[in-house]
Amino acid sequence: MVELDVMTADRTPRNNPQSTGEDDVTTTFATPMTAADRCDRCGAQAYVRVVLGSGGELLFCAHHGRAHDARLRELDAAITDETDRLHAEATTSSRD
């Protein structure tokens, strides 16, 4: 679920009537990635979400996330890396 406080031009929050708009900060809560999220490059399961300054979103597998990391950081993209889940999943499955 993504939640976003959107401000109108006069700094009045559109979707939060209790707020005055004085100290509002736009906050986004990204949903965790699931097995349905696929890498835009190769189609494998995505573990890296990239939100570009233009608002576009890219999903990458761990491999392609690492491959494009330096360039995406140069672009000041917002990167959510959930590759730690790979290690957690591997540990869980080895115990079975």
N, C-alpha and C. Protein backbone atom coordinates (compact mmCIF):
# COMPACT_ATOMS: atom_id res chain seq x y z
N MET A 1 0.85 -1.19 0.00
CA MET A 1 0.00 0.00 0.00
C MET A 1 0.88 1.23 0.00
N VAL A 2 0.60 2.17 -0.86
CA VAL A 2 1.35 3.41 -0.92
C VAL A 2 0.47 4.51 -0.36
N GLU A 3 1.01 5.25 0.60
CA GLU A 3 0.27 6.36 1.20
C GLU A 3 1.05 7.62 0.96
N LEU A 4 0.39 8.64 0.47
CA LEU A 4 1.08 9.86 0.10
C LEU A 4 0.23 11.06 0.50
N ASP A 5 0.82 11.98 1.26
CA ASP A 5 0.14 13.24 1.56
C ASP A 5 0.39 14.17 0.39
N VAL A 6 -0.66 14.57 -0.28
CA VAL A 6 -0.53 15.43 -1.45
C VAL A 6 -0.95 16.84 -1.07
N MET A 7 -0.09 17.80 -1.36
CA MET A 7 -0.36 19.19 -1.00
C MET A 7 -0.91 19.93 -2.22
N THR A 8 -1.87 20.80 -2.00
CA THR A 8 -2.36 21.66 -3.08
C THR A 8 -1.41 22.84 -3.20
N ALA A 9 -1.61 23.67 -4.18
CA ALA A 9 -0.71 24.80 -4.42
C ALA A 9 -0.64 25.75 -3.23
N ASP A 10 -1.71 25.88 -2.44
CA ASP A 10 -1.68 26.78 -1.29
C ASP A 10 -1.21 26.08 -0.01
N ARG A 11 -0.59 24.89 -0.15
CA ARG A 11 -0.03 24.10 0.95
C ARG A 11 -1.09 23.53 1.87
N THR A 12 -2.33 23.42 1.40
CA THR A 12 -3.38 22.76 2.16
C THR A 12 -3.40 21.29 1.75
N PRO A 13 -3.22 20.38 2.69
CA PRO A 13 -3.23 18.97 2.32
C PRO A 13 -4.60 18.54 1.81
N ARG A 14 -4.61 17.91 0.65
CA ARG A 14 -5.86 17.48 0.04
C ARG A 14 -6.47 16.28 0.75
N ASN A 15 -5.64 15.34 1.19
CA ASN A 15 -6.20 14.10 1.72
C ASN A 15 -6.00 13.95 3.23
N ASN A 16 -5.72 15.03 3.94
CA ASN A 16 -5.58 14.99 5.38
C ASN A 16 -6.22 16.25 5.97
N PRO A 17 -7.52 16.24 6.21
CA PRO A 17 -8.23 17.44 6.65
C PRO A 17 -7.81 17.94 8.02
N GLN A 18 -7.22 17.08 8.88
CA GLN A 18 -6.79 17.54 10.20
C GLN A 18 -5.48 18.33 10.17
N SER A 19 -4.75 18.22 9.11
CA SER A 19 -3.45 18.85 9.04
C SER A 19 -3.56 20.30 8.60
N THR A 20 -2.65 21.12 9.12
CA THR A 20 -2.62 22.54 8.75
C THR A 20 -1.75 22.78 7.54
N GLY A 21 -0.89 21.82 7.22
CA GLY A 21 0.01 22.01 6.10
C GLY A 21 1.31 22.65 6.49
N GLU A 22 1.44 23.11 7.73
CA GLU A 22 2.64 23.81 8.17
C GLU A 22 3.89 22.94 8.13
N ASP A 23 3.85 21.79 8.79
CA ASP A 23 5.03 20.95 8.90
C ASP A 23 4.84 19.61 8.20
N ASP A 24 3.95 19.55 7.24
CA ASP A 24 3.68 18.28 6.56
C ASP A 24 4.89 17.84 5.76
N VAL A 25 5.13 16.55 5.80
CA VAL A 25 6.18 15.94 5.02
C VAL A 25 5.52 14.88 4.17
N THR A 26 5.86 14.83 2.90
CA THR A 26 5.31 13.81 2.04
C THR A 26 5.98 12.49 2.38
N THR A 27 5.18 11.50 2.72
CA THR A 27 5.69 10.21 3.15
C THR A 27 5.11 9.12 2.26
N THR A 28 5.97 8.23 1.82
CA THR A 28 5.53 7.12 0.99
C THR A 28 5.87 5.82 1.70
N PHE A 29 4.90 4.92 1.79
CA PHE A 29 5.12 3.60 2.35
C PHE A 29 5.02 2.62 1.19
N ALA A 30 6.14 2.09 0.76
CA ALA A 30 6.14 1.15 -0.37
C ALA A 30 5.73 -0.23 0.14
N THR A 31 4.98 -0.91 -0.68
CA THR A 31 4.60 -2.27 -0.31
C THR A 31 5.80 -3.19 -0.50
N PRO A 32 5.92 -4.20 0.35
CA PRO A 32 7.01 -5.15 0.17
C PRO A 32 6.84 -5.88 -1.17
N MET A 33 7.94 -6.23 -1.77
CA MET A 33 7.88 -6.95 -3.03
C MET A 33 7.46 -8.39 -2.78
N THR A 34 6.76 -8.95 -3.75
CA THR A 34 6.29 -10.33 -3.65
C THR A 34 6.86 -11.14 -4.82
N ALA A 35 6.57 -12.42 -4.82
CA ALA A 35 7.02 -13.30 -5.91
C ALA A 35 6.42 -12.87 -7.25
N ALA A 36 5.35 -12.12 -7.23
CA ALA A 36 4.72 -11.65 -8.47
C ALA A 36 5.50 -10.49 -9.10
N ASP A 37 6.35 -9.81 -8.33
CA ASP A 37 7.16 -8.71 -8.86
C ASP A 37 8.34 -9.30 -9.62
N ARG A 38 8.48 -8.91 -10.88
CA ARG A 38 9.49 -9.50 -11.75
C ARG A 38 10.49 -8.45 -12.20
N CYS A 39 11.72 -8.88 -12.41
CA CYS A 39 12.80 -8.03 -12.88
C CYS A 39 12.45 -7.49 -14.27
N ASP A 40 12.60 -6.18 -14.46
CA ASP A 40 12.32 -5.56 -15.74
C ASP A 40 13.35 -5.95 -16.80
N ARG A 41 14.47 -6.46 -16.38
CA ARG A 41 15.54 -6.82 -17.31
C ARG A 41 15.45 -8.27 -17.78
N CYS A 42 15.21 -9.21 -16.84
CA CYS A 42 15.27 -10.63 -17.21
C CYS A 42 14.05 -11.45 -16.81
N GLY A 43 13.15 -10.90 -16.01
CA GLY A 43 11.94 -11.62 -15.63
C GLY A 43 12.07 -12.46 -14.37
N ALA A 44 13.25 -12.49 -13.74
CA ALA A 44 13.41 -13.23 -12.48
C ALA A 44 12.69 -12.48 -11.37
N GLN A 45 12.57 -13.10 -10.20
CA GLN A 45 11.91 -12.43 -9.08
C GLN A 45 12.67 -11.17 -8.70
N ALA A 46 11.94 -10.09 -8.49
CA ALA A 46 12.55 -8.80 -8.16
C ALA A 46 12.79 -8.67 -6.66
N TYR A 47 13.95 -8.15 -6.32
CA TYR A 47 14.30 -7.86 -4.93
C TYR A 47 14.77 -6.42 -4.76
N VAL A 48 14.86 -5.68 -5.86
CA VAL A 48 15.32 -4.29 -5.81
C VAL A 48 14.29 -3.43 -6.53
N ARG A 49 13.78 -2.41 -5.83
CA ARG A 49 12.83 -1.45 -6.41
C ARG A 49 13.55 -0.12 -6.52
N VAL A 50 13.43 0.52 -7.68
CA VAL A 50 14.06 1.80 -7.93
C VAL A 50 12.99 2.79 -8.34
N VAL A 51 12.94 3.93 -7.65
CA VAL A 51 12.03 5.00 -8.05
C VAL A 51 12.89 6.14 -8.55
N LEU A 52 12.72 6.47 -9.81
CA LEU A 52 13.50 7.53 -10.45
C LEU A 52 12.96 8.90 -10.08
N GLY A 53 13.77 9.92 -10.22
CA GLY A 53 13.35 11.29 -9.93
C GLY A 53 12.13 11.70 -10.75
N SER A 54 11.98 11.13 -11.93
CA SER A 54 10.84 11.45 -12.79
C SER A 54 9.56 10.78 -12.33
N GLY A 55 9.70 9.86 -11.34
CA GLY A 55 8.53 9.15 -10.82
C GLY A 55 8.40 7.74 -11.36
N GLY A 56 9.19 7.39 -12.35
CA GLY A 56 9.14 6.04 -12.91
C GLY A 56 9.68 5.02 -11.93
N GLU A 57 9.21 3.79 -12.04
CA GLU A 57 9.63 2.73 -11.15
C GLU A 57 10.22 1.59 -11.96
N LEU A 58 11.35 1.05 -11.46
CA LEU A 58 11.99 -0.11 -12.07
C LEU A 58 12.11 -1.19 -11.02
N LEU A 59 12.00 -2.44 -11.44
CA LEU A 59 12.20 -3.58 -10.56
C LEU A 59 13.34 -4.41 -11.13
N PHE A 60 14.24 -4.86 -10.24
CA PHE A 60 15.37 -5.66 -10.68
C PHE A 60 15.55 -6.87 -9.78
N CYS A 61 16.05 -7.97 -10.36
CA CYS A 61 16.50 -9.11 -9.56
C CYS A 61 17.78 -8.67 -8.83
N ALA A 62 18.29 -9.49 -7.94
CA ALA A 62 19.50 -9.13 -7.20
C ALA A 62 20.67 -8.88 -8.15
N HIS A 63 20.83 -9.75 -9.16
CA HIS A 63 21.94 -9.62 -10.11
C HIS A 63 21.90 -8.28 -10.85
N HIS A 64 20.77 -7.97 -11.46
CA HIS A 64 20.67 -6.74 -12.23
C HIS A 64 20.62 -5.50 -11.34
N GLY A 65 20.12 -5.65 -10.12
CA GLY A 65 20.17 -4.54 -9.16
C GLY A 65 21.62 -4.14 -8.87
N ARG A 66 22.47 -5.16 -8.65
CA ARG A 66 23.91 -4.89 -8.42
C ARG A 66 24.56 -4.32 -9.68
N ALA A 67 24.19 -4.86 -10.83
CA ALA A 67 24.80 -4.42 -12.09
C ALA A 67 24.53 -2.95 -12.39
N HIS A 68 23.36 -2.45 -12.02
CA HIS A 68 22.97 -1.07 -12.35
C HIS A 68 23.06 -0.11 -11.16
N ASP A 69 23.49 -0.60 -10.01
CA ASP A 69 23.50 0.18 -8.77
C ASP A 69 24.26 1.50 -8.89
N ALA A 70 25.47 1.47 -9.40
CA ALA A 70 26.30 2.69 -9.45
C ALA A 70 25.64 3.77 -10.30
N ARG A 71 25.14 3.41 -11.45
CA ARG A 71 24.51 4.40 -12.33
C ARG A 71 23.23 4.95 -11.72
N LEU A 72 22.45 4.10 -11.07
CA LEU A 72 21.21 4.57 -10.44
C LEU A 72 21.50 5.52 -9.29
N ARG A 73 22.58 5.26 -8.55
CA ARG A 73 22.96 6.17 -7.46
C ARG A 73 23.41 7.52 -8.02
N GLU A 74 24.08 7.52 -9.17
CA GLU A 74 24.47 8.77 -9.82
C GLU A 74 23.24 9.60 -10.17
N LEU A 75 22.15 8.92 -10.52
CA LEU A 75 20.90 9.60 -10.88
C LEU A 75 20.09 10.00 -9.65
N ASP A 76 20.60 9.68 -8.46
CA ASP A 76 19.94 9.99 -7.20
C ASP A 76 18.56 9.33 -7.12
N ALA A 77 18.50 8.10 -7.60
CA ALA A 77 17.25 7.34 -7.54
C ALA A 77 17.05 6.79 -6.14
N ALA A 78 15.80 6.63 -5.73
CA ALA A 78 15.48 6.02 -4.44
C ALA A 78 15.48 4.51 -4.63
N ILE A 79 16.36 3.82 -3.92
CA ILE A 79 16.53 2.38 -4.11
C ILE A 79 16.12 1.64 -2.85
N THR A 80 15.22 0.67 -3.02
CA THR A 80 14.82 -0.22 -1.93
C THR A 80 15.38 -1.60 -2.26
N ASP A 81 16.31 -2.06 -1.44
CA ASP A 81 17.00 -3.33 -1.69
C ASP A 81 16.52 -4.36 -0.68
N GLU A 82 15.82 -5.39 -1.16
CA GLU A 82 15.34 -6.46 -0.30
C GLU A 82 16.09 -7.77 -0.55
N THR A 83 17.32 -7.67 -1.06
CA THR A 83 18.09 -8.88 -1.36
C THR A 83 18.43 -9.66 -0.10
N ASP A 84 18.35 -9.04 1.06
CA ASP A 84 18.59 -9.77 2.31
C ASP A 84 17.57 -10.89 2.49
N ARG A 85 16.41 -10.77 1.86
CA ARG A 85 15.40 -11.82 1.92
C ARG A 85 15.88 -13.10 1.26
N LEU A 86 16.79 -12.98 0.29
CA LEU A 86 17.34 -14.17 -0.36
C LEU A 86 18.06 -15.05 0.66
N HIS A 87 18.86 -14.44 1.52
CA HIS A 87 19.61 -15.17 2.54
C HIS A 87 18.66 -15.76 3.58
N ALA A 88 17.63 -15.01 3.95
CA ALA A 88 16.65 -15.50 4.93
C ALA A 88 15.89 -16.69 4.36
N GLU A 89 15.51 -16.61 3.07
CA GLU A 89 14.79 -17.71 2.43
C GLU A 89 15.67 -18.94 2.31
N ALA A 90 16.97 -18.74 2.00
CA ALA A 90 17.89 -19.87 1.86
C ALA A 90 18.09 -20.56 3.21
N THR A 91 18.19 -19.78 4.29
CA THR A 91 18.36 -20.34 5.63
C THR A 91 17.12 -21.12 6.04
N THR A 92 15.95 -20.56 5.78
CA THR A 92 14.69 -21.23 6.13
C THR A 92 14.53 -22.53 5.38
N SER A 93 14.83 -22.53 4.08
CA SER A 93 14.65 -23.74 3.29
C SER A 93 15.69 -24.81 3.62
N SER A 94 16.88 -24.42 4.08
CA SER A 94 17.90 -25.42 4.43
C SER A 94 17.56 -26.12 5.74
N ARG A 95 16.72 -25.52 6.57
CA ARG A 95 16.30 -26.13 7.85
C ARG A 95 15.22 -27.18 7.64
N ASP A 96 14.52 -27.11 6.51
CA ASP A 96 13.40 -28.04 6.27
C ASP A 96 13.86 -29.44 6.00
